[in-house]
Amino acid sequence: MCLIAFAWQTHPQYPLILVANRDEFYERPTAAAHFWEDNPDILGGRDLQAGGTWLGIRRDGRWSAVTNYREAQPEHAPRSRGALTTGCLQHDGSLTDYGSQVLSDSGEYSPFNLLMGDDQTLLYCSNRTHRIQVLDAGIYTLSNHLLDTPWPKASHAREALQTLICSQNPDPGLLLESLHRDTPYHDELLPDTGVGIELERMLSPPFIRSNHYGTRSSTVLMKDLDGHCHFLEQSYLKGGITGELKEFSFNEQNQ
């Protein structure tokens, strides 16, 4: 996952409204969103190479999402970052306990940002801050730097989400479309993460297209006051060609 915008406890009907783009190499095998055969209470796409997920939700409403933290030469790590979200969804204890466990093992992962939420709590942690942050009500963005770093793509996502959640019933289709901007930003607006200006430019829009790497899916997750969850995932093929659309709705169930 490379761009997430979410409104937490700010909408009168939907305590959580989240929209996200996942960017990945086209050759990396991926399964679209589904309830997992080996964990039937978990809904999410799946990385078929390492077995984890970038964004998933459990039937009781616990959810988690991860993004990479961009560095010029990231350290090689023995464990996939997708295991962080999967671990959160499989963990039976509190989110805080899981976050503490993650930070104690954070050296086993390449640089990451992790979101962990349920109906009462939303936490953020990173192995670049080495602390757990409890998020208050608000609108947030997360890309490939720390939470709310105002990269152009993140600012675009925040502004689009702020506009769309003014509606009493935000349109999931419009939320999906809000992250479809694919025009690179001007060089003077781009961060310097050490990867070079050409790569910074290619990675700068919310929706990425290139020969080998790009946006593979867009996801909307909405949870209402009655515990109803709506999960919408649009997959994309190489070059941004529209692929399969997956849609799920379910009422939260106690674990």
C-alpha atoms as a PDB file:
ATOM      1  CA  MET A   1       0.000   0.000   0.000  1.00  0.00           C
ATOM      2  CA  CYS A   2       1.389   3.355  -0.950  1.00  0.00           C
ATOM      3  CA  LEU A   3      -1.301   5.954  -0.318  1.00  0.00           C
ATOM      4  CA  ILE A   4      -4.050   5.986   2.293  1.00  0.00           C
ATOM      5  CA  ALA A   5      -6.475   8.762   3.228  1.00  0.00           C
ATOM      6  CA  PHE A   6      -8.949   8.196   6.023  1.00  0.00           C
ATOM      7  CA  ALA A   7     -11.532  10.035   8.084  1.00  0.00           C
ATOM      8  CA  TRP A   8     -11.721   8.760  11.648  1.00  0.00           C
ATOM      9  CA  GLN A   9     -14.753   9.667  13.784  1.00  0.00           C
ATOM     10  CA  THR A  10     -15.498  12.819  11.794  1.00  0.00           C
ATOM     11  CA  HIS A  11     -18.592  11.793   9.769  1.00  0.00           C
ATOM     12  CA  PRO A  12     -22.002  11.607  11.520  1.00  0.00           C
ATOM     13  CA  GLN A  13     -22.887   8.232   9.959  1.00  0.00           C
ATOM     14  CA  TYR A  14     -19.527   6.619   9.180  1.00  0.00           C
ATOM     15  CA  PRO A  15     -16.904   6.525  11.961  1.00  0.00           C
ATOM     16  CA  LEU A  16     -14.389   5.223   9.421  1.00  0.00           C
ATOM     17  CA  ILE A  17     -14.074   6.174   5.757  1.00  0.00           C
ATOM     18  CA  LEU A  18     -10.846   5.029   4.123  1.00  0.00           C
ATOM     19  CA  VAL A  19      -9.571   5.115   0.560  1.00  0.00           C
ATOM     20  CA  ALA A  20      -6.245   3.645  -0.522  1.00  0.00           C
ATOM     21  CA  ASN A  21      -4.069   2.817  -3.517  1.00  0.00           C
ATOM     22  CA  ARG A  22      -1.712  -0.131  -3.522  1.00  0.00           C
ATOM     23  CA  ASP A  23       1.370   0.231  -5.750  1.00  0.00           C
ATOM     24  CA  GLU A  24       3.455  -2.805  -6.606  1.00  0.00           C
ATOM     25  CA  PHE A  25       5.483  -4.467  -9.355  1.00  0.00           C
ATOM     26  CA  TYR A  26       3.145  -5.934 -11.964  1.00  0.00           C
ATOM     27  CA  GLU A  27       4.960  -9.255 -11.915  1.00  0.00           C
ATOM     28  CA  ARG A  28       4.360  -9.829  -8.181  1.00  0.00           C
ATOM     29  CA  PRO A  29       1.535 -12.392  -7.914  1.00  0.00           C
ATOM     30  CA  THR A  30      -1.534 -11.104  -6.107  1.00  0.00           C
ATOM     31  CA  ALA A  31      -5.001 -12.366  -5.204  1.00  0.00           C
ATOM     32  CA  ALA A  32      -7.867  -9.867  -5.251  1.00  0.00           C
ATOM     33  CA  ALA A  33      -9.900  -9.246  -2.107  1.00  0.00           C
ATOM     34  CA  HIS A  34     -11.652 -12.310  -0.678  1.00  0.00           C
ATOM     35  CA  PHE A  35     -12.410 -14.016   2.610  1.00  0.00           C
ATOM     36  CA  TRP A  36      -9.364 -16.175   3.183  1.00  0.00           C
ATOM     37  CA  GLU A  37      -9.705 -19.929   3.058  1.00  0.00           C
ATOM     38  CA  ASP A  38      -7.203 -20.429   5.887  1.00  0.00           C
ATOM     39  CA  ASN A  39      -8.658 -17.544   7.965  1.00  0.00           C
ATOM     40  CA  PRO A  40     -12.343 -17.203   6.993  1.00  0.00           C
ATOM     41  CA  ASP A  41     -12.898 -14.192   9.272  1.00  0.00           C
ATOM     42  CA  ILE A  42     -10.341 -12.092   7.349  1.00  0.00           C
ATOM     43  CA  LEU A  43     -11.237 -10.123   4.217  1.00  0.00           C
ATOM     44  CA  GLY A  44      -8.530  -8.605   2.044  1.00  0.00           C
ATOM     45  CA  GLY A  45      -6.313  -9.024  -0.960  1.00  0.00           C
ATOM     46  CA  ARG A  46      -3.284 -11.230  -0.634  1.00  0.00           C
ATOM     47  CA  ASP A  47       0.333 -11.125  -1.697  1.00  0.00           C
ATOM     48  CA  LEU A  48       0.828 -14.611  -3.132  1.00  0.00           C
ATOM     49  CA  GLN A  49       4.608 -14.317  -2.934  1.00  0.00           C
ATOM     50  CA  ALA A  50       4.912 -13.692   0.817  1.00  0.00           C
ATOM     51  CA  GLY A  51       1.384 -14.524   1.988  1.00  0.00           C
ATOM     52  CA  GLY A  52       0.526 -11.250   3.729  1.00  0.00           C
ATOM     53  CA  THR A  53      -1.805  -8.387   2.903  1.00  0.00           C
ATOM     54  CA  TRP A  54      -1.556  -4.618   2.503  1.00  0.00           C
ATOM     55  CA  LEU A  55      -5.082  -3.938   3.813  1.00  0.00           C
ATOM     56  CA  GLY A  56      -7.517  -6.245   5.544  1.00  0.00           C
ATOM     57  CA  ILE A  57     -10.475  -6.328   7.894  1.00  0.00           C
ATOM     58  CA  ARG A  58     -11.816  -8.950  10.254  1.00  0.00           C
ATOM     59  CA  ARG A  59     -15.493  -9.822  10.667  1.00  0.00           C
ATOM     60  CA  ASP A  60     -15.524  -8.175  14.098  1.00  0.00           C
ATOM     61  CA  GLY A  61     -14.369  -4.874  12.562  1.00  0.00           C
ATOM     62  CA  ARG A  62     -10.663  -4.956  13.414  1.00  0.00           C
ATOM     63  CA  TRP A  63      -8.651  -3.731  10.436  1.00  0.00           C
ATOM     64  CA  SER A  64      -5.066  -2.987   9.519  1.00  0.00           C
ATOM     65  CA  ALA A  65      -3.077  -1.435   6.671  1.00  0.00           C
ATOM     66  CA  VAL A  66       0.601  -0.952   5.906  1.00  0.00           C
ATOM     67  CA  THR A  67       2.715   1.279   3.676  1.00  0.00           C
ATOM     68  CA  ASN A  68       6.410   1.241   2.861  1.00  0.00           C
ATOM     69  CA  TYR A  69       8.635   4.046   4.118  1.00  0.00           C
ATOM     70  CA  ARG A  70      10.741   5.131   1.146  1.00  0.00           C
ATOM     71  CA  GLU A  71      14.514   5.228   1.507  1.00  0.00           C
ATOM     72  CA  ALA A  72      17.255   5.201  -1.109  1.00  0.00           C
ATOM     73  CA  GLN A  73      18.758   1.918   0.025  1.00  0.00           C
ATOM     74  CA  PRO A  74      16.306   0.161   2.344  1.00  0.00           C
ATOM     75  CA  GLU A  75      17.791  -2.443   4.593  1.00  0.00           C
ATOM     76  CA  HIS A  76      17.204  -6.047   3.626  1.00  0.00           C
ATOM     77  CA  ALA A  77      14.867  -7.599   6.167  1.00  0.00           C
ATOM     78  CA  PRO A  78      13.918 -11.224   6.771  1.00  0.00           C
ATOM     79  CA  ARG A  79      10.160 -10.655   7.075  1.00  0.00           C
ATOM     80  CA  SER A  80       7.607  -9.185   4.661  1.00  0.00           C
ATOM     81  CA  ARG A  81       5.775  -6.056   5.775  1.00  0.00           C
ATOM     82  CA  GLY A  82       2.516  -7.725   4.786  1.00  0.00           C
ATOM     83  CA  ALA A  83       3.004  -9.982   7.794  1.00  0.00           C
ATOM     84  CA  LEU A  84       2.419  -6.946  10.027  1.00  0.00           C
ATOM     85  CA  THR A  85      -1.177  -6.486   8.901  1.00  0.00           C
ATOM     86  CA  THR A  86      -1.853 -10.209   8.818  1.00  0.00           C
ATOM     87  CA  GLY A  87      -0.479 -10.522  12.339  1.00  0.00           C
ATOM     88  CA  CYS A  88      -2.745  -7.744  13.570  1.00  0.00           C
ATOM     89  CA  LEU A  89      -5.806  -9.458  12.111  1.00  0.00           C
ATOM     90  CA  GLN A  90      -4.819 -12.795  13.616  1.00  0.00           C
ATOM     91  CA  HIS A  91      -3.919 -11.368  17.035  1.00  0.00           C
ATOM     92  CA  ASP A  92      -6.478 -12.025  19.794  1.00  0.00           C
ATOM     93  CA  GLY A  93      -5.125  -9.455  22.247  1.00  0.00           C
ATOM     94  CA  SER A  94      -5.459  -5.678  22.261  1.00  0.00           C
ATOM     95  CA  LEU A  95      -4.193  -3.437  19.490  1.00  0.00           C
ATOM     96  CA  THR A  96      -1.792  -1.789  21.927  1.00  0.00           C
ATOM     97  CA  ASP A  97      -0.310  -5.138  22.886  1.00  0.00           C
ATOM     98  CA  TYR A  98       0.154  -6.034  19.241  1.00  0.00           C
ATOM     99  CA  GLY A  99       1.721  -2.653  18.497  1.00  0.00           C
ATOM    100  CA  SER A 100       4.215  -3.156  21.315  1.00  0.00           C
ATOM    101  CA  GLN A 101       5.073  -6.565  19.920  1.00  0.00           C
ATOM    102  CA  VAL A 102       5.590  -5.056  16.467  1.00  0.00           C
ATOM    103  CA  LEU A 103       7.955  -2.398  17.765  1.00  0.00           C
ATOM    104  CA  SER A 104       9.975  -4.925  19.717  1.00  0.00           C
ATOM    105  CA  ASP A 105      10.453  -6.906  16.494  1.00  0.00           C
ATOM    106  CA  SER A 106      10.646  -3.879  14.174  1.00  0.00           C
ATOM    107  CA  GLY A 107      14.204  -4.617  13.051  1.00  0.00           C
ATOM    108  CA  GLU A 108      12.956  -7.719  11.253  1.00  0.00           C
ATOM    109  CA  TYR A 109      11.086  -5.560   8.712  1.00  0.00           C
ATOM    110  CA  SER A 110      12.080  -3.050   6.063  1.00  0.00           C
ATOM    111  CA  PRO A 111      10.904   0.519   6.839  1.00  0.00           C
ATOM    112  CA  PHE A 112       7.133   0.580   7.388  1.00  0.00           C
ATOM    113  CA  ASN A 113       4.084   2.515   8.551  1.00  0.00           C
ATOM    114  CA  LEU A 114       1.310   0.501  10.195  1.00  0.00           C
ATOM    115  CA  LEU A 115      -2.316   1.379  10.962  1.00  0.00           C
ATOM    116  CA  MET A 116      -4.342  -0.767  13.382  1.00  0.00           C
ATOM    117  CA  GLY A 117      -7.982  -0.064  14.158  1.00  0.00           C
ATOM    118  CA  ASP A 118     -11.254  -1.305  15.592  1.00  0.00           C
ATOM    119  CA  ASP A 119     -14.514   0.400  16.579  1.00  0.00           C
ATOM    120  CA  GLN A 120     -12.978   2.263  19.524  1.00  0.00           C
ATOM    121  CA  THR A 121      -9.312   2.795  18.749  1.00  0.00           C
ATOM    122  CA  LEU A 122      -7.013   3.703  15.876  1.00  0.00           C
ATOM    123  CA  LEU A 123      -3.248   3.374  16.281  1.00  0.00           C
ATOM    124  CA  TYR A 124      -0.270   4.289  14.106  1.00  0.00           C
ATOM    125  CA  CYS A 125       3.277   3.039  14.472  1.00  0.00           C
ATOM    126  CA  SER A 126       6.437   2.974  12.392  1.00  0.00           C
ATOM    127  CA  ASN A 127       9.920   1.581  12.784  1.00  0.00           C
ATOM    128  CA  ARG A 128      11.107   5.067  11.900  1.00  0.00           C
ATOM    129  CA  THR A 129       9.454   6.691  14.943  1.00  0.00           C
ATOM    130  CA  HIS A 130       9.558   3.658  17.266  1.00  0.00           C
ATOM    131  CA  ARG A 131       6.430   4.652  19.137  1.00  0.00           C
ATOM    132  CA  ILE A 132       2.697   3.963  19.102  1.00  0.00           C
ATOM    133  CA  GLN A 133       0.464   6.960  18.406  1.00  0.00           C
ATOM    134  CA  VAL A 134      -3.227   6.956  19.373  1.00  0.00           C
ATOM    135  CA  LEU A 135      -5.109   8.911  16.701  1.00  0.00           C
ATOM    136  CA  ASP A 136      -7.772  11.423  17.695  1.00  0.00           C
ATOM    137  CA  ALA A 137     -10.772  12.150  15.492  1.00  0.00           C
ATOM    138  CA  GLY A 138      -9.667  13.725  12.223  1.00  0.00           C
ATOM    139  CA  ILE A 139      -8.703  13.309   8.589  1.00  0.00           C
ATOM    140  CA  TYR A 140      -5.289  11.775   7.978  1.00  0.00           C
ATOM    141  CA  THR A 141      -3.057  10.731   5.108  1.00  0.00           C
ATOM    142  CA  LEU A 142      -0.292   8.167   4.936  1.00  0.00           C
ATOM    143  CA  SER A 143       2.037   7.594   2.012  1.00  0.00           C
ATOM    144  CA  ASN A 144       5.684   6.503   1.945  1.00  0.00           C
ATOM    145  CA  HIS A 145       6.856   8.822   4.700  1.00  0.00           C
ATOM    146  CA  LEU A 146       5.490   9.496   8.192  1.00  0.00           C
ATOM    147  CA  LEU A 147       1.821  10.070   8.980  1.00  0.00           C
ATOM    148  CA  ASP A 148       0.479  13.331   7.517  1.00  0.00           C
ATOM    149  CA  THR A 149       3.692  14.229   5.690  1.00  0.00           C
ATOM    150  CA  PRO A 150       2.347  16.742   3.120  1.00  0.00           C
ATOM    151  CA  TRP A 151       3.642  15.192  -0.088  1.00  0.00           C
ATOM    152  CA  PRO A 152       1.627  16.428  -3.104  1.00  0.00           C
ATOM    153  CA  LYS A 153      -0.194  13.104  -3.572  1.00  0.00           C
ATOM    154  CA  ALA A 154      -1.126  13.026   0.111  1.00  0.00           C
ATOM    155  CA  SER A 155      -2.407  16.601   0.034  1.00  0.00           C
ATOM    156  CA  HIS A 156      -4.496  15.745  -3.028  1.00  0.00           C
ATOM    157  CA  ALA A 157      -5.972  12.709  -1.261  1.00  0.00           C
ATOM    158  CA  ARG A 158      -6.784  14.718   1.870  1.00  0.00           C
ATOM    159  CA  GLU A 159      -8.533  17.490  -0.066  1.00  0.00           C
ATOM    160  CA  ALA A 160     -10.542  15.008  -2.138  1.00  0.00           C
ATOM    161  CA  LEU A 161     -11.641  13.084   0.946  1.00  0.00           C
ATOM    162  CA  GLN A 162     -12.579  16.264   2.812  1.00  0.00           C
ATOM    163  CA  THR A 163     -14.821  17.246  -0.088  1.00  0.00           C
ATOM    164  CA  LEU A 164     -16.479  13.865  -0.555  1.00  0.00           C
ATOM    165  CA  ILE A 165     -17.314  13.262   3.102  1.00  0.00           C
ATOM    166  CA  CYS A 166     -19.360  16.459   3.215  1.00  0.00           C
ATOM    167  CA  SER A 167     -22.150  14.288   1.811  1.00  0.00           C
ATOM    168  CA  GLN A 168     -24.418  12.472   4.271  1.00  0.00           C
ATOM    169  CA  ASN A 169     -23.843   9.282   2.280  1.00  0.00           C
ATOM    170  CA  PRO A 170     -20.445   9.454   0.540  1.00  0.00           C
ATOM    171  CA  ASP A 171     -20.385   7.662  -2.820  1.00  0.00           C
ATOM    172  CA  PRO A 172     -17.891   4.742  -2.784  1.00  0.00           C
ATOM    173  CA  GLY A 173     -17.413   5.060  -6.539  1.00  0.00           C
ATOM    174  CA  LEU A 174     -16.401   8.701  -6.244  1.00  0.00           C
ATOM    175  CA  LEU A 175     -14.082   7.815  -3.387  1.00  0.00           C
ATOM    176  CA  LEU A 176     -12.363   5.289  -5.669  1.00  0.00           C
ATOM    177  CA  GLU A 177     -12.047   7.862  -8.430  1.00  0.00           C
ATOM    178  CA  SER A 178     -10.567  10.427  -6.048  1.00  0.00           C
ATOM    179  CA  LEU A 179      -7.173   8.685  -6.201  1.00  0.00           C
ATOM    180  CA  HIS A 180      -7.034   8.326  -9.992  1.00  0.00           C
ATOM    181  CA  ARG A 181      -4.925  11.416 -10.725  1.00  0.00           C
ATOM    182  CA  ASP A 182      -1.938  10.110 -12.724  1.00  0.00           C
ATOM    183  CA  THR A 183      -0.187  13.340 -13.725  1.00  0.00           C
ATOM    184  CA  PRO A 184       3.248  13.726 -12.089  1.00  0.00           C
ATOM    185  CA  TYR A 185       3.767  16.822  -9.975  1.00  0.00           C
ATOM    186  CA  HIS A 186       6.306  19.523 -10.786  1.00  0.00           C
ATOM    187  CA  ASP A 187       9.833  18.728  -9.671  1.00  0.00           C
ATOM    188  CA  GLU A 188      10.015  21.604  -7.202  1.00  0.00           C
ATOM    189  CA  LEU A 189       7.122  20.055  -5.234  1.00  0.00           C
ATOM    190  CA  LEU A 190       8.670  16.614  -4.913  1.00  0.00           C
ATOM    191  CA  PRO A 191      10.389  15.174  -1.840  1.00  0.00           C
ATOM    192  CA  ASP A 192      14.000  14.075  -1.908  1.00  0.00           C
ATOM    193  CA  THR A 193      14.040  10.551  -0.520  1.00  0.00           C
ATOM    194  CA  GLY A 194      17.347   9.661  -2.149  1.00  0.00           C
ATOM    195  CA  VAL A 195      15.991   7.662  -5.091  1.00  0.00           C
ATOM    196  CA  GLY A 196      16.693  10.291  -7.779  1.00  0.00           C
ATOM    197  CA  ILE A 197      14.457  12.829  -9.470  1.00  0.00           C
ATOM    198  CA  GLU A 198      13.232  10.539 -12.271  1.00  0.00           C
ATOM    199  CA  LEU A 199      11.907   7.982  -9.816  1.00  0.00           C
ATOM    200  CA  GLU A 200      10.520  10.685  -7.524  1.00  0.00           C
ATOM    201  CA  ARG A 201       8.644  12.069 -10.528  1.00  0.00           C
ATOM    202  CA  MET A 202       7.260   8.668 -11.550  1.00  0.00           C
ATOM    203  CA  LEU A 203       6.100   7.925  -8.004  1.00  0.00           C
ATOM    204  CA  SER A 204       4.625  11.373  -7.358  1.00  0.00           C
ATOM    205  CA  PRO A 205       0.955  11.039  -8.463  1.00  0.00           C
ATOM    206  CA  PRO A 206      -1.681   9.155  -6.476  1.00  0.00           C
ATOM    207  CA  PHE A 207      -2.149   6.732  -9.388  1.00  0.00           C
ATOM    208  CA  ILE A 208       1.121   5.381 -10.798  1.00  0.00           C
ATOM    209  CA  ARG A 209       1.729   4.010 -14.290  1.00  0.00           C
ATOM    210  CA  SER A 210       5.010   2.665 -15.649  1.00  0.00           C
ATOM    211  CA  ASN A 211       6.274  -0.322 -17.601  1.00  0.00           C
ATOM    212  CA  HIS A 212       7.052  -2.485 -14.589  1.00  0.00           C
ATOM    213  CA  TYR A 213       5.476  -0.868 -11.532  1.00  0.00           C
ATOM    214  CA  GLY A 214       2.226   0.888 -10.804  1.00  0.00           C
ATOM    215  CA  THR A 215      -1.063   1.096  -8.967  1.00  0.00           C
ATOM    216  CA  ARG A 216      -2.447  -2.427  -8.726  1.00  0.00           C
ATOM    217  CA  SER A 217      -5.652  -1.691  -6.810  1.00  0.00           C
ATOM    218  CA  SER A 218      -7.792   1.004  -5.204  1.00  0.00           C
ATOM    219  CA  THR A 219      -9.819   0.212  -2.097  1.00  0.00           C
ATOM    220  CA  VAL A 220     -12.629   1.891  -0.179  1.00  0.00           C
ATOM    221  CA  LEU A 221     -13.503   0.784   3.355  1.00  0.00           C
ATOM    222  CA  MET A 222     -16.515   2.305   5.116  1.00  0.00           C
ATOM    223  CA  LYS A 223     -17.887   1.386   8.555  1.00  0.00           C
ATOM    224  CA  ASP A 224     -21.170   2.867   9.785  1.00  0.00           C
ATOM    225  CA  LEU A 225     -22.571   3.423  13.275  1.00  0.00           C
ATOM    226  CA  ASP A 226     -24.543   0.163  13.147  1.00  0.00           C
ATOM    227  CA  GLY A 227     -21.425  -1.924  12.540  1.00  0.00           C
ATOM    228  CA  HIS A 228     -22.054  -2.410   8.833  1.00  0.00           C
ATOM    229  CA  CYS A 229     -18.868  -2.664   6.770  1.00  0.00           C
ATOM    230  CA  HIS A 230     -18.604  -1.936   3.057  1.00  0.00           C
ATOM    231  CA  PHE A 231     -15.400  -2.998   1.271  1.00  0.00           C
ATOM    232  CA  LEU A 232     -14.839  -2.126  -2.387  1.00  0.00           C
ATOM    233  CA  GLU A 233     -11.695  -3.048  -4.326  1.00  0.00           C
ATOM    234  CA  GLN A 234     -10.921  -2.155  -7.942  1.00  0.00           C
ATOM    235  CA  SER A 235      -7.966  -4.024  -9.419  1.00  0.00           C
ATOM    236  CA  TYR A 236      -5.811  -2.723 -12.269  1.00  0.00           C
ATOM    237  CA  LEU A 237      -3.696  -4.489 -14.841  1.00  0.00           C
ATOM    238  CA  LYS A 238      -0.391  -3.336 -16.297  1.00  0.00           C
ATOM    239  CA  GLY A 239      -0.533   0.266 -17.438  1.00  0.00           C
ATOM    240  CA  GLY A 240      -3.572   1.039 -15.291  1.00  0.00           C
ATOM    241  CA  ILE A 241      -6.062  -0.966 -17.353  1.00  0.00           C
ATOM    242  CA  THR A 242      -9.195  -1.568 -15.279  1.00  0.00           C
ATOM    243  CA  GLY A 243      -9.469  -5.112 -13.986  1.00  0.00           C
ATOM    244  CA  GLU A 244     -11.767  -6.928 -11.582  1.00  0.00           C
ATOM    245  CA  LEU A 245     -14.118  -5.104  -9.212  1.00  0.00           C
ATOM    246  CA  LYS A 246     -14.800  -6.785  -5.854  1.00  0.00           C
ATOM    247  CA  GLU A 247     -17.493  -5.612  -3.446  1.00  0.00           C
ATOM    248  CA  PHE A 248     -18.345  -6.949   0.011  1.00  0.00           C
ATOM    249  CA  SER A 249     -20.832  -5.900   2.680  1.00  0.00           C
ATOM    250  CA  PHE A 250     -21.234  -7.489   6.088  1.00  0.00           C
ATOM    251  CA  ASN A 251     -22.330  -6.747   9.626  1.00  0.00           C
ATOM    252  CA  GLU A 252     -19.695  -6.960  12.323  1.00  0.00           C
ATOM    253  CA  GLN A 253     -19.709 -10.106  14.431  1.00  0.00           C
ATOM    254  CA  ASN A 254     -18.094 -10.638  17.810  1.00  0.00           C
ATOM    255  CA  GLN A 255     -14.991 -12.806  17.771  1.00  0.00           C
END
